[in-house]
N, C-alpha and C. Protein backbone atom coordinates (compact mmCIF):
# COMPACT_ATOMS: atom_id res chain seq x y z
N MET A 1 5.22 10.61 4.78
CA MET A 1 3.43 10.27 5.34
C MET A 1 2.93 9.83 4.54
N ILE A 2 1.75 9.01 4.54
CA ILE A 2 0.94 8.32 3.61
C ILE A 2 -0.64 8.83 3.95
N ASN A 3 -1.32 9.13 2.85
CA ASN A 3 -2.92 9.01 3.25
C ASN A 3 -3.40 7.51 3.50
N SER A 4 -4.25 7.63 4.15
CA SER A 4 -4.60 5.98 4.40
C SER A 4 -5.40 5.62 3.27
N GLN A 5 -6.14 6.29 2.14
CA GLN A 5 -6.71 5.69 0.78
C GLN A 5 -5.65 5.31 0.02
N ASP A 6 -3.99 5.97 0.31
CA ASP A 6 -3.34 5.41 -1.06
C ASP A 6 -2.59 4.35 -0.43
N VAL A 7 -3.34 3.75 0.60
CA VAL A 7 -2.57 2.08 0.91
C VAL A 7 -2.71 1.06 -0.17
N LYS A 8 -2.24 0.01 -0.22
CA LYS A 8 -2.24 -0.85 -1.01
C LYS A 8 -1.49 -2.19 -0.54
N ASN A 9 -1.65 -3.40 -1.18
CA ASN A 9 -1.35 -4.74 -0.44
C ASN A 9 0.41 -4.60 -0.29
N GLY A 10 0.77 -4.88 0.52
CA GLY A 10 2.45 -4.81 0.39
C GLY A 10 3.33 -3.37 1.05
N THR A 11 2.04 -2.77 1.09
CA THR A 11 2.51 -1.14 2.04
C THR A 11 2.90 -1.28 3.68
N CYS A 12 4.30 -0.91 3.93
CA CYS A 12 5.01 -1.05 5.55
C CYS A 12 4.30 0.10 5.84
N ILE A 13 3.70 0.27 7.03
CA ILE A 13 3.13 1.13 8.26
C ILE A 13 3.83 1.19 9.41
N ARG A 14 4.34 2.17 10.00
CA ARG A 14 4.65 2.21 11.46
C ARG A 14 3.47 2.73 12.20
N MET A 15 2.91 1.80 13.39
CA MET A 15 1.67 2.17 14.36
C MET A 15 2.12 2.06 15.53
N ASP A 16 1.76 2.68 16.18
CA ASP A 16 1.94 2.47 17.64
C ASP A 16 3.12 1.83 18.10
N GLY A 17 4.46 2.30 17.68
CA GLY A 17 5.68 2.01 17.78
C GLY A 17 5.88 0.36 17.04
N LYS A 18 5.05 -0.25 16.18
CA LYS A 18 5.65 -1.21 15.62
C LYS A 18 5.76 -1.24 14.22
N LEU A 19 6.09 -2.28 13.57
CA LEU A 19 5.84 -2.18 12.11
C LEU A 19 4.68 -3.31 11.59
N TYR A 20 3.60 -2.80 10.47
CA TYR A 20 2.59 -3.61 9.89
C TYR A 20 2.76 -3.60 8.54
N PHE A 21 2.55 -4.81 7.83
CA PHE A 21 2.49 -4.93 6.40
C PHE A 21 0.92 -4.85 6.01
N VAL A 22 0.83 -4.02 5.37
CA VAL A 22 -0.75 -4.28 4.63
C VAL A 22 -0.98 -5.77 3.73
N VAL A 23 -2.20 -6.18 4.00
CA VAL A 23 -2.35 -7.65 3.84
C VAL A 23 -3.77 -7.58 3.00
N GLU A 24 -4.61 -6.72 3.14
CA GLU A 24 -5.80 -6.68 2.19
C GLU A 24 -6.49 -5.28 3.04
N PHE A 25 -7.08 -4.74 1.76
CA PHE A 25 -7.62 -3.44 2.34
C PHE A 25 -9.03 -3.08 1.33
N LEU A 26 -10.10 -2.54 1.83
CA LEU A 26 -11.41 -2.28 1.30
C LEU A 26 -11.95 -0.83 1.61
N HIS A 27 -12.06 -0.06 0.58
CA HIS A 27 -12.93 1.23 0.41
C HIS A 27 -14.19 1.04 0.86
N VAL A 28 -14.53 1.27 2.36
CA VAL A 28 -16.07 1.32 2.50
C VAL A 28 -17.06 2.40 2.82
N LYS A 29 -17.93 2.81 2.06
CA LYS A 29 -18.90 3.73 1.81
C LYS A 29 -20.49 3.60 2.66
N PRO A 30 -20.34 3.68 3.78
CA PRO A 30 -21.46 3.58 4.32
C PRO A 30 -22.67 4.29 3.54
N GLY A 31 -23.98 3.88 4.26
CA GLY A 31 -25.22 4.61 3.97
C GLY A 31 -25.08 5.88 4.06
N LYS A 32 -24.56 6.34 5.39
CA LYS A 32 -24.63 7.70 5.91
C LYS A 32 -22.46 7.55 6.56
N GLY A 33 -22.48 8.87 6.32
CA GLY A 33 -21.24 9.09 6.87
C GLY A 33 -20.10 9.22 6.09
N ASN A 34 -19.20 9.11 6.40
CA ASN A 34 -17.97 9.20 5.60
C ASN A 34 -17.20 7.97 5.34
N THR A 35 -16.61 7.95 3.83
CA THR A 35 -15.86 6.97 3.89
C THR A 35 -14.75 6.39 4.70
N ILE A 36 -14.62 4.86 4.57
CA ILE A 36 -13.52 4.66 5.50
C ILE A 36 -12.85 3.51 4.60
N MET A 37 -11.54 3.37 5.44
CA MET A 37 -10.86 2.12 4.84
C MET A 37 -10.38 1.16 5.96
N ARG A 38 -10.70 -0.04 5.47
CA ARG A 38 -11.42 -0.80 6.16
C ARG A 38 -9.72 -1.67 5.78
N VAL A 39 -8.78 -2.02 6.72
CA VAL A 39 -7.09 -2.89 5.96
C VAL A 39 -7.03 -3.83 7.48
N LYS A 40 -6.68 -5.03 6.62
CA LYS A 40 -5.60 -5.93 7.33
C LYS A 40 -4.46 -5.75 7.80
N LEU A 41 -4.10 -5.63 8.81
CA LEU A 41 -2.15 -5.24 8.94
C LEU A 41 -1.85 -6.83 9.57
N LYS A 42 -0.51 -6.90 8.89
CA LYS A 42 0.56 -8.15 9.70
C LYS A 42 1.38 -7.52 10.34
N ASP A 43 1.36 -7.77 11.66
CA ASP A 43 2.61 -7.72 12.25
C ASP A 43 3.84 -8.08 11.67
N VAL A 44 5.09 -7.74 11.76
CA VAL A 44 6.60 -7.90 11.31
C VAL A 44 6.88 -8.96 11.76
N VAL A 45 6.73 -8.66 13.37
CA VAL A 45 7.78 -9.29 14.46
C VAL A 45 7.09 -10.50 14.82
N SER A 46 5.47 -10.26 14.79
CA SER A 46 4.97 -11.53 15.58
C SER A 46 3.97 -12.23 14.69
N GLY A 47 3.89 -11.91 13.43
CA GLY A 47 2.87 -12.31 12.61
C GLY A 47 1.32 -12.43 12.39
N LEU A 48 1.01 -11.60 13.63
CA LEU A 48 -0.01 -11.28 14.00
C LEU A 48 -1.07 -10.50 13.31
N VAL A 49 -2.27 -11.01 12.34
CA VAL A 49 -2.96 -10.29 11.58
C VAL A 49 -4.19 -9.37 12.68
N ILE A 50 -3.99 -8.47 12.23
CA ILE A 50 -5.14 -7.18 12.86
C ILE A 50 -5.64 -6.45 11.87
N GLU A 51 -7.17 -6.11 12.16
CA GLU A 51 -7.72 -5.25 11.28
C GLU A 51 -8.11 -3.93 12.28
N ARG A 52 -7.94 -2.92 11.14
CA ARG A 52 -8.19 -1.35 11.71
C ARG A 52 -8.84 -0.75 10.91
N ARG A 53 -9.43 0.36 11.39
CA ARG A 53 -10.39 1.29 10.39
C ARG A 53 -9.69 2.38 10.23
N PHE A 54 -9.64 3.24 9.27
CA PHE A 54 -8.87 4.60 9.06
C PHE A 54 -9.80 5.46 8.68
N ASN A 55 -10.11 6.62 8.72
CA ASN A 55 -10.99 7.94 7.84
C ASN A 55 -10.28 8.18 6.79
N ILE A 56 -10.86 8.28 5.49
CA ILE A 56 -10.47 9.01 4.24
C ILE A 56 -9.82 10.33 4.71
N GLY A 57 -8.43 10.05 4.29
CA GLY A 57 -7.52 11.62 4.41
C GLY A 57 -6.65 11.13 5.81
N GLU A 58 -6.61 10.21 6.69
CA GLU A 58 -5.94 10.02 7.65
C GLU A 58 -4.54 9.97 7.31
N LYS A 59 -3.65 10.56 8.24
CA LYS A 59 -2.03 10.47 7.78
C LYS A 59 -1.62 9.16 8.29
N LEU A 60 -0.83 8.19 7.84
CA LEU A 60 -0.11 7.40 8.48
C LEU A 60 1.12 7.12 7.91
N GLU A 61 1.99 6.96 9.28
CA GLU A 61 3.68 6.55 8.73
C GLU A 61 3.89 5.88 7.89
N ASP A 62 4.31 5.65 6.73
CA ASP A 62 5.21 4.83 5.62
C ASP A 62 6.46 4.36 6.22
N VAL A 63 6.67 3.26 5.83
CA VAL A 63 8.14 2.85 6.17
C VAL A 63 8.60 2.40 4.68
N ARG A 64 9.78 2.97 4.28
CA ARG A 64 10.33 2.30 3.19
C ARG A 64 11.31 1.22 3.29
N VAL A 65 10.77 0.29 2.42
CA VAL A 65 11.08 -1.12 2.74
C VAL A 65 12.06 -1.54 1.36
N GLU A 66 12.88 -2.49 1.29
CA GLU A 66 13.80 -3.32 0.24
C GLU A 66 13.82 -4.56 0.45
N ARG A 67 13.42 -5.29 -0.68
CA ARG A 67 13.83 -6.79 -1.02
C ARG A 67 15.12 -7.02 -1.49
N ARG A 68 15.87 -7.85 -0.75
CA ARG A 68 16.85 -8.31 -1.13
C ARG A 68 17.45 -9.64 -1.17
N GLN A 69 17.98 -10.02 -2.23
CA GLN A 69 18.44 -11.48 -2.23
C GLN A 69 19.69 -12.25 -1.41
N TYR A 70 19.10 -12.76 -0.41
CA TYR A 70 20.50 -13.65 0.46
C TYR A 70 20.40 -14.73 0.32
N GLN A 71 21.58 -15.61 0.27
CA GLN A 71 21.68 -17.01 0.40
C GLN A 71 22.35 -17.61 1.94
N PHE A 72 21.45 -18.54 2.16
CA PHE A 72 21.98 -19.13 3.33
C PHE A 72 22.99 -20.13 3.26
N LEU A 73 23.75 -19.69 4.25
CA LEU A 73 25.12 -20.38 4.43
C LEU A 73 25.33 -21.19 5.11
N TYR A 74 25.21 -21.37 6.56
CA TYR A 74 24.87 -22.17 7.32
C TYR A 74 24.07 -21.58 8.99
N LYS A 75 24.27 -22.75 9.83
CA LYS A 75 23.67 -22.29 10.79
C LYS A 75 24.66 -22.27 12.14
N GLU A 76 24.50 -21.42 13.07
CA GLU A 76 25.79 -21.33 14.05
C GLU A 76 24.78 -21.56 15.71
N GLY A 77 24.90 -22.46 16.20
CA GLY A 77 23.91 -22.30 17.06
C GLY A 77 22.47 -22.39 17.30
N THR A 78 21.83 -21.31 17.56
CA THR A 78 20.63 -20.89 17.10
C THR A 78 20.47 -20.03 16.03
N ASP A 79 21.80 -19.17 15.82
CA ASP A 79 21.58 -18.21 14.66
C ASP A 79 21.96 -18.69 13.13
N TYR A 80 21.27 -18.42 12.29
CA TYR A 80 21.29 -18.67 10.83
C TYR A 80 22.05 -17.86 10.05
N ILE A 81 23.11 -17.81 9.25
CA ILE A 81 24.05 -17.22 8.64
C ILE A 81 23.84 -16.84 7.38
N PHE A 82 23.44 -15.79 6.60
CA PHE A 82 22.98 -15.51 5.23
C PHE A 82 23.98 -14.66 4.66
N MET A 83 24.32 -14.59 3.38
CA MET A 83 25.25 -13.77 2.85
C MET A 83 24.67 -12.89 1.51
N ASP A 84 24.66 -11.60 1.41
CA ASP A 84 24.11 -10.70 0.81
C ASP A 84 24.05 -10.92 -0.70
N GLN A 85 23.79 -11.09 -1.42
CA GLN A 85 24.13 -11.39 -3.20
C GLN A 85 24.85 -10.65 -3.71
N GLU A 86 24.46 -9.42 -3.46
CA GLU A 86 25.59 -7.86 -3.94
C GLU A 86 26.44 -7.64 -3.53
N SER A 87 26.43 -7.48 -2.00
CA SER A 87 27.99 -6.88 -1.27
C SER A 87 28.68 -8.19 -0.47
N TYR A 88 28.19 -9.47 -0.49
CA TYR A 88 29.01 -10.18 -0.22
C TYR A 88 28.82 -10.27 1.26
N GLU A 89 28.34 -9.61 1.92
CA GLU A 89 28.54 -9.21 3.22
C GLU A 89 27.71 -10.15 4.34
N GLN A 90 28.18 -10.92 5.14
CA GLN A 90 27.51 -11.98 5.85
C GLN A 90 26.24 -11.60 6.95
N HIS A 91 25.24 -11.72 7.11
CA HIS A 91 24.21 -11.08 8.45
C HIS A 91 23.70 -12.25 8.96
N THR A 92 23.35 -12.19 9.99
CA THR A 92 22.75 -13.31 11.15
C THR A 92 21.48 -12.82 11.33
N MET A 93 20.69 -13.93 11.28
CA MET A 93 19.25 -13.85 11.73
C MET A 93 19.18 -15.06 12.61
N THR A 94 17.53 -14.65 13.50
CA THR A 94 17.13 -15.67 14.49
C THR A 94 15.99 -16.61 13.44
N LYS A 95 15.89 -17.51 14.33
CA LYS A 95 14.60 -18.35 13.75
C LYS A 95 13.52 -17.67 13.56
N ASP A 96 13.35 -16.60 14.60
CA ASP A 96 11.48 -16.34 14.28
C ASP A 96 11.75 -14.94 13.17
N GLN A 97 12.43 -14.72 12.65
CA GLN A 97 12.92 -13.60 11.15
C GLN A 97 12.49 -14.80 10.12
N ILE A 98 12.33 -15.67 10.13
CA ILE A 98 12.78 -16.77 8.69
C ILE A 98 11.29 -17.24 8.72
N THR A 99 10.41 -17.13 7.76
CA THR A 99 9.20 -17.74 7.71
C THR A 99 9.60 -19.25 6.69
N GLY A 100 9.07 -20.10 7.11
CA GLY A 100 9.29 -21.42 6.79
C GLY A 100 10.90 -22.20 7.03
N VAL A 101 11.00 -21.62 7.95
CA VAL A 101 12.66 -22.13 8.43
C VAL A 101 12.83 -23.69 8.46
N ASP A 102 11.78 -24.44 8.57
CA ASP A 102 11.91 -25.62 8.71
C ASP A 102 12.31 -26.71 7.23
N PHE A 103 12.29 -25.67 6.00
CA PHE A 103 12.46 -26.08 4.79
C PHE A 103 13.80 -25.35 4.34
N LEU A 104 14.61 -24.93 5.24
CA LEU A 104 15.74 -24.05 4.82
C LEU A 104 16.87 -25.13 4.61
N LYS A 105 17.35 -24.97 3.19
CA LYS A 105 18.56 -25.96 3.34
C LYS A 105 19.91 -25.17 2.60
N ASP A 106 20.92 -25.71 2.78
CA ASP A 106 21.95 -25.01 2.61
C ASP A 106 22.22 -24.38 1.03
N GLY A 107 22.47 -22.72 0.91
CA GLY A 107 22.84 -22.38 -0.50
C GLY A 107 21.10 -21.89 -0.99
N LEU A 108 20.42 -22.38 -0.52
CA LEU A 108 18.92 -21.56 -0.83
C LEU A 108 19.15 -20.24 -0.71
N VAL A 109 18.40 -19.57 -1.52
CA VAL A 109 18.60 -18.03 -1.64
C VAL A 109 17.11 -17.77 -1.57
N VAL A 110 16.92 -17.06 -0.36
CA VAL A 110 15.59 -16.24 0.02
C VAL A 110 15.36 -14.75 -0.19
N GLU A 111 14.11 -14.07 -0.12
CA GLU A 111 14.07 -12.78 -0.15
C GLU A 111 14.17 -12.25 1.34
N VAL A 112 14.84 -11.07 1.81
CA VAL A 112 15.23 -10.60 3.15
C VAL A 112 14.51 -9.30 2.81
N VAL A 113 13.40 -8.82 3.76
CA VAL A 113 12.83 -7.25 3.76
C VAL A 113 13.68 -6.62 4.88
N ILE A 114 14.28 -5.51 4.42
CA ILE A 114 14.99 -4.34 5.27
C ILE A 114 14.38 -3.25 5.22
N ASP A 115 14.35 -2.71 6.45
CA ASP A 115 13.61 -1.50 6.51
C ASP A 115 14.82 -0.39 6.07
N ALA A 116 14.78 0.14 5.11
CA ALA A 116 15.55 1.05 4.36
C ALA A 116 16.27 2.04 5.35
N SER A 117 15.56 2.80 6.36
CA SER A 117 15.79 4.26 6.94
C SER A 117 16.85 3.65 7.93
N SER A 118 16.89 2.43 8.85
CA SER A 118 17.72 1.96 9.79
C SER A 118 18.61 0.60 9.00
N GLU A 119 18.59 0.40 7.91
CA GLU A 119 19.19 -0.96 7.61
C GLU A 119 18.82 -2.01 8.13
N THR A 120 17.94 -2.23 9.12
CA THR A 120 17.73 -3.36 9.93
C THR A 120 16.72 -4.63 9.28
N ILE A 121 17.32 -6.01 9.24
CA ILE A 121 16.48 -6.99 9.01
C ILE A 121 15.14 -6.83 9.53
N LEU A 122 13.92 -7.28 8.66
CA LEU A 122 12.70 -7.55 9.36
C LEU A 122 12.31 -8.84 9.45
N PHE A 123 12.50 -9.39 8.30
CA PHE A 123 12.02 -10.95 8.19
C PHE A 123 12.69 -11.40 6.63
N ALA A 124 12.65 -12.31 6.85
CA ALA A 124 13.05 -13.55 5.58
C ALA A 124 12.06 -14.45 5.14
N GLU A 125 11.88 -14.44 3.71
CA GLU A 125 10.40 -15.40 3.25
C GLU A 125 11.64 -16.48 2.52
N LEU A 126 11.48 -17.72 2.66
CA LEU A 126 11.81 -18.88 1.54
C LEU A 126 10.71 -18.63 0.21
N PRO A 127 11.09 -18.92 -0.45
CA PRO A 127 10.24 -19.48 -2.19
C PRO A 127 9.43 -20.00 -1.57
N THR A 128 8.07 -19.91 -2.21
CA THR A 128 6.85 -20.74 -1.66
C THR A 128 7.23 -22.32 -2.07
N LYS A 129 7.82 -22.60 -3.04
CA LYS A 129 7.93 -24.12 -3.57
C LYS A 129 9.53 -24.48 -3.54
N VAL A 130 9.73 -25.30 -2.66
CA VAL A 130 11.23 -25.70 -2.65
C VAL A 130 11.03 -27.29 -2.87
N ASP A 131 12.65 -27.76 -3.48
CA ASP A 131 12.68 -29.28 -3.79
C ASP A 131 13.57 -29.83 -2.59
N LEU A 132 12.80 -30.82 -1.99
CA LEU A 132 13.35 -31.26 -0.83
C LEU A 132 13.93 -33.22 -1.20
N GLU A 133 14.70 -33.55 -0.76
CA GLU A 133 14.75 -34.78 -0.87
C GLU A 133 14.42 -35.61 0.35
N ILE A 134 13.90 -36.99 0.43
CA ILE A 134 13.44 -37.49 1.38
C ILE A 134 14.43 -38.50 2.06
N THR A 135 14.68 -38.15 3.21
CA THR A 135 15.83 -39.33 3.63
C THR A 135 15.25 -40.35 4.51
N TYR A 136 13.82 -40.70 4.85
CA TYR A 136 13.48 -41.47 5.58
C TYR A 136 11.93 -41.51 5.36
N THR A 137 11.22 -42.67 5.00
CA THR A 137 9.80 -42.88 4.73
C THR A 137 9.52 -44.43 5.10
N GLU A 138 8.36 -44.79 5.26
CA GLU A 138 8.04 -46.21 5.10
C GLU A 138 8.29 -46.57 3.82
N PRO A 139 8.45 -47.75 3.36
CA PRO A 139 8.40 -48.37 1.86
C PRO A 139 6.99 -48.19 1.22
N GLY A 140 6.87 -47.87 0.03
CA GLY A 140 5.80 -47.37 -0.64
C GLY A 140 5.01 -48.66 -1.21
N MET A 141 3.99 -48.63 -1.63
CA MET A 141 3.35 -49.86 -2.30
C MET A 141 2.96 -49.42 -3.92
N ALA A 142 3.18 -50.26 -4.44
CA ALA A 142 3.10 -49.73 -6.07
C ALA A 142 1.20 -50.11 -6.11
N GLY A 143 0.82 -49.37 -6.57
CA GLY A 143 -0.92 -49.28 -7.15
C GLY A 143 -1.39 -48.45 -6.50
N ASN A 144 -0.82 -47.55 -5.16
CA ASN A 144 -1.20 -47.29 -4.04
C ASN A 144 -1.91 -45.45 -4.69
N THR A 145 -2.15 -45.42 -5.60
CA THR A 145 -2.41 -43.96 -6.21
C THR A 145 -4.05 -43.71 -5.86
N ALA A 146 -4.98 -44.22 -5.89
CA ALA A 146 -6.09 -44.10 -6.40
C ALA A 146 -7.07 -43.06 -5.14
N THR A 147 -6.03 -43.51 -3.83
CA THR A 147 -6.74 -43.36 -2.52
C THR A 147 -5.48 -41.89 -2.37
N ASN A 148 -6.46 -40.87 -1.43
CA ASN A 148 -5.63 -40.22 -0.84
C ASN A 148 -5.24 -40.26 0.37
N THR A 149 -4.84 -41.59 0.79
CA THR A 149 -3.75 -41.43 2.08
C THR A 149 -2.56 -41.40 1.89
N LEU A 150 -2.27 -40.41 2.95
CA LEU A 150 -1.08 -39.82 3.36
C LEU A 150 -0.05 -40.51 4.21
N LYS A 151 1.64 -40.20 4.46
CA LYS A 151 2.14 -41.04 5.66
C LYS A 151 3.08 -40.08 5.58
N PRO A 152 3.66 -40.14 6.90
CA PRO A 152 5.11 -39.05 7.03
C PRO A 152 6.10 -39.48 6.75
N ALA A 153 6.95 -38.56 6.01
CA ALA A 153 8.01 -38.40 5.56
C ALA A 153 8.84 -37.42 5.88
N THR A 154 10.54 -37.66 6.29
CA THR A 154 11.38 -37.05 6.58
C THR A 154 12.06 -36.65 5.50
N VAL A 155 12.43 -35.11 5.59
CA VAL A 155 13.20 -34.52 4.30
C VAL A 155 14.74 -34.01 4.76
N GLU A 156 15.56 -33.75 3.83
CA GLU A 156 16.53 -33.11 3.91
C GLU A 156 17.17 -32.19 5.20
N THR A 157 16.03 -31.48 5.51
CA THR A 157 16.43 -30.63 6.59
C THR A 157 15.56 -30.94 7.77
N GLY A 158 15.56 -32.05 8.02
CA GLY A 158 14.77 -32.74 8.86
C GLY A 158 13.14 -32.51 9.45
N ALA A 159 12.79 -31.69 8.61
CA ALA A 159 11.30 -31.45 8.83
C ALA A 159 10.54 -32.88 8.40
N THR A 160 9.08 -33.14 8.82
CA THR A 160 8.61 -34.13 8.42
C THR A 160 7.31 -33.26 7.70
N VAL A 161 6.84 -34.25 6.93
CA VAL A 161 5.54 -33.98 5.48
C VAL A 161 4.99 -34.96 5.29
N ARG A 162 3.80 -34.96 4.93
CA ARG A 162 2.84 -35.86 5.01
C ARG A 162 2.78 -36.35 3.26
N VAL A 163 3.14 -37.34 2.70
CA VAL A 163 3.46 -37.49 1.55
C VAL A 163 2.17 -39.06 0.87
N PRO A 164 2.10 -38.86 -0.28
CA PRO A 164 1.24 -40.19 -0.66
C PRO A 164 1.99 -41.67 -0.32
N LEU A 165 1.76 -42.60 -0.33
CA LEU A 165 1.93 -43.87 -0.09
C LEU A 165 2.58 -44.35 -1.30
N PHE A 166 2.87 -43.94 -2.09
CA PHE A 166 3.59 -44.31 -3.57
C PHE A 166 5.11 -43.94 -3.35
N ILE A 167 5.46 -42.32 -2.76
CA ILE A 167 6.65 -41.85 -2.54
C ILE A 167 7.40 -42.87 -1.35
N ASN A 168 8.94 -42.90 -2.27
CA ASN A 168 9.79 -43.70 -1.52
C ASN A 168 11.37 -43.05 -1.15
N THR A 169 11.88 -43.48 -0.09
CA THR A 169 13.18 -43.09 0.32
C THR A 169 14.10 -42.44 -0.87
N GLY A 170 14.61 -41.38 -0.98
CA GLY A 170 15.41 -40.99 -2.08
C GLY A 170 15.15 -40.30 -2.73
N GLU A 171 13.46 -40.15 -3.05
CA GLU A 171 13.15 -39.33 -4.28
C GLU A 171 13.20 -37.91 -4.03
N LYS A 172 12.86 -36.99 -5.05
CA LYS A 172 13.12 -35.56 -4.34
C LYS A 172 11.31 -35.29 -4.81
N ILE A 173 10.76 -33.98 -3.84
CA ILE A 173 9.41 -33.87 -3.62
C ILE A 173 9.52 -32.62 -3.72
N ARG A 174 8.44 -31.80 -4.35
CA ARG A 174 8.33 -30.60 -4.08
C ARG A 174 7.19 -29.95 -3.09
N VAL A 175 7.84 -28.95 -2.12
CA VAL A 175 7.13 -28.62 -0.99
C VAL A 175 6.58 -27.25 -0.94
N ASP A 176 5.36 -27.00 -0.30
CA ASP A 176 4.99 -25.78 -0.06
C ASP A 176 5.82 -25.03 1.15
N THR A 177 6.00 -24.01 1.24
CA THR A 177 7.03 -23.54 2.44
C THR A 177 6.18 -22.97 3.19
N ARG A 178 4.65 -22.66 2.95
CA ARG A 178 3.98 -21.55 3.80
C ARG A 178 3.39 -22.76 4.58
N ASP A 179 2.90 -23.63 4.27
CA ASP A 179 2.07 -24.92 5.12
C ASP A 179 2.61 -26.06 5.20
N GLY A 180 3.71 -26.37 4.58
CA GLY A 180 4.57 -27.51 4.56
C GLY A 180 3.77 -28.66 3.78
N SER A 181 3.08 -28.71 3.22
CA SER A 181 2.19 -29.37 2.45
C SER A 181 2.61 -29.89 1.38
N TYR A 182 2.54 -31.27 0.97
CA TYR A 182 3.50 -31.97 -0.38
C TYR A 182 2.98 -31.83 -1.96
N LEU A 183 3.32 -31.06 -2.83
CA LEU A 183 3.02 -30.63 -3.80
C LEU A 183 2.80 -31.48 -4.97
N GLU A 184 3.89 -31.96 -5.09
CA GLU A 184 4.20 -33.12 -6.33
C GLU A 184 5.60 -33.67 -6.52
N ARG A 185 6.09 -34.62 -7.12
CA ARG A 185 7.25 -35.52 -7.36
C ARG A 185 8.06 -34.15 -8.00
N ALA A 186 9.29 -33.80 -7.87
CA ALA A 186 10.54 -33.26 -8.29
C ALA A 186 10.86 -33.79 -9.76
N LYS A 187 10.92 -32.74 -10.71
CA LYS A 187 11.45 -33.25 -11.90
C LYS A 187 13.06 -33.59 -11.98
């Protein structure tokens, strides 16, 4: 158990039979009354963010989580097969458990969050930036760097990314896996 005033960003708690990660917290001291904690919580399974208030000293059930490095091996039907980098065991995950799954390519190492008490996989996070090769886009035009116009491009994972007009097929680009946006050309 953990006191409500001890929660920090990244703390995992169990509430109403569900697991939540603390996304944001704030101590609030109103003019009258007791100090409260205003906390934004993200549901591990659905990804929904809710806001809750807790009184100072209120007991919350904390969950010990571990972050491990897993390497993506292959996709089998609707399942994704990963290998633990330490024990070399293979684990299966569904599409819903992986954030940024559209940019997952073979051999990519992801961070997997595991409930340490039951050894169950909660979710997997891709690195925030991934380098991908463009497999198809309309031909680029020289000199179109001044405008902010974007065009669709298909990357090696099959996802579509909006890129500037000067990017061509065969080039490598850096993509933000959180929102799928183009960042820059990869070196």
